[in-house]
């Protein structure tokens, strides 16, 4: 039982640390990740149903 509890605590600590590392270093917002010349939309409401 002690080994199982230690494994659960270790897994929680590793998951918590990995989430902080991944959020801080490898995640970016969609507006900055997908900025290309062909996908730029200035006013998304102007092209809907001829409005």
C-alpha atoms as a PDB file:
ATOM      1  CA  UNK A   1       0.000   0.000   0.000  1.00  0.00           C
ATOM      2  CA  UNK A   2       2.891   2.376   0.737  1.00  0.00           C
ATOM      3  CA  UNK A   3       4.405   1.746  -2.685  1.00  0.00           C
ATOM      4  CA  UNK A   4       1.088   2.458  -4.416  1.00  0.00           C
ATOM      5  CA  UNK A   5       0.590   5.694  -2.472  1.00  0.00           C
ATOM      6  CA  UNK A   6       4.144   6.769  -3.291  1.00  0.00           C
ATOM      7  CA  UNK A   7       3.541   6.009  -6.980  1.00  0.00           C
ATOM      8  CA  UNK A   8       0.324   8.072  -7.002  1.00  0.00           C
ATOM      9  CA  UNK A   9       2.043  11.013  -5.291  1.00  0.00           C
ATOM     10  CA  UNK A  10       4.958  10.783  -7.722  1.00  0.00           C
ATOM     11  CA  UNK A  11       2.608  10.667 -10.727  1.00  0.00           C
ATOM     12  CA  UNK A  12       0.721  13.732  -9.503  1.00  0.00           C
ATOM     13  CA  UNK A  13       3.958  15.664  -8.962  1.00  0.00           C
ATOM     14  CA  UNK A  14       5.303  14.729 -12.408  1.00  0.00           C
ATOM     15  CA  UNK A  15       2.009  15.649 -14.103  1.00  0.00           C
ATOM     16  CA  UNK A  16       1.866  19.007 -12.311  1.00  0.00           C
ATOM     17  CA  UNK A  17       5.453  19.823 -13.242  1.00  0.00           C
ATOM     18  CA  UNK A  18       4.967  18.755 -16.856  1.00  0.00           C
ATOM     19  CA  UNK A  19       1.867  20.916 -17.208  1.00  0.00           C
ATOM     20  CA  UNK A  20       3.748  23.987 -16.009  1.00  0.00           C
ATOM     21  CA  UNK A  21       6.700  23.306 -18.296  1.00  0.00           C
ATOM     22  CA  UNK A  22       4.490  22.707 -21.334  1.00  0.00           C
ATOM     23  CA  UNK A  23       2.293  25.758 -20.679  1.00  0.00           C
ATOM     24  CA  UNK A  24       5.267  28.049 -20.153  1.00  0.00           C
ATOM     25  CA  UNK A  25       7.447  26.948 -23.070  1.00  0.00           C
ATOM     26  CA  UNK A  26       5.444  25.244 -25.801  1.00  0.00           C
ATOM     27  CA  UNK A  27       2.024  26.883 -25.891  1.00  0.00           C
ATOM     28  CA  UNK A  28       1.034  29.981 -27.823  1.00  0.00           C
ATOM     29  CA  UNK A  29      -2.232  31.698 -28.598  1.00  0.00           C
ATOM     30  CA  UNK A  30      -4.038  30.821 -31.828  1.00  0.00           C
ATOM     31  CA  UNK A  31      -3.857  34.369 -33.172  1.00  0.00           C
ATOM     32  CA  UNK A  32      -0.068  34.329 -32.930  1.00  0.00           C
ATOM     33  CA  UNK A  33       0.442  30.710 -33.977  1.00  0.00           C
ATOM     34  CA  UNK A  34      -1.599  30.905 -37.198  1.00  0.00           C
ATOM     35  CA  UNK A  35      -0.607  34.232 -38.717  1.00  0.00           C
ATOM     36  CA  UNK A  36      -0.027  33.918 -42.450  1.00  0.00           C
ATOM     37  CA  UNK A  37      -0.682  36.259 -45.326  1.00  0.00           C
ATOM     38  CA  UNK A  38      -3.430  34.055 -46.785  1.00  0.00           C
ATOM     39  CA  UNK A  39      -5.457  33.604 -43.612  1.00  0.00           C
ATOM     40  CA  UNK A  40      -5.758  37.145 -42.348  1.00  0.00           C
ATOM     41  CA  UNK A  41      -9.326  38.308 -41.649  1.00  0.00           C
ATOM     42  CA  UNK A  42      -9.836  41.972 -40.816  1.00  0.00           C
ATOM     43  CA  UNK A  43     -13.606  42.166 -40.349  1.00  0.00           C
ATOM     44  CA  UNK A  44     -15.234  38.732 -40.171  1.00  0.00           C
ATOM     45  CA  UNK A  45     -18.751  40.202 -40.141  1.00  0.00           C
ATOM     46  CA  UNK A  46     -18.443  41.909 -43.556  1.00  0.00           C
ATOM     47  CA  UNK A  47     -18.357  38.681 -45.578  1.00  0.00           C
ATOM     48  CA  UNK A  48     -21.306  36.863 -44.006  1.00  0.00           C
ATOM     49  CA  UNK A  49     -24.356  36.546 -46.314  1.00  0.00           C
ATOM     50  CA  UNK A  50     -23.565  39.747 -48.190  1.00  0.00           C
ATOM     51  CA  UNK A  51     -23.760  42.018 -45.150  1.00  0.00           C
END
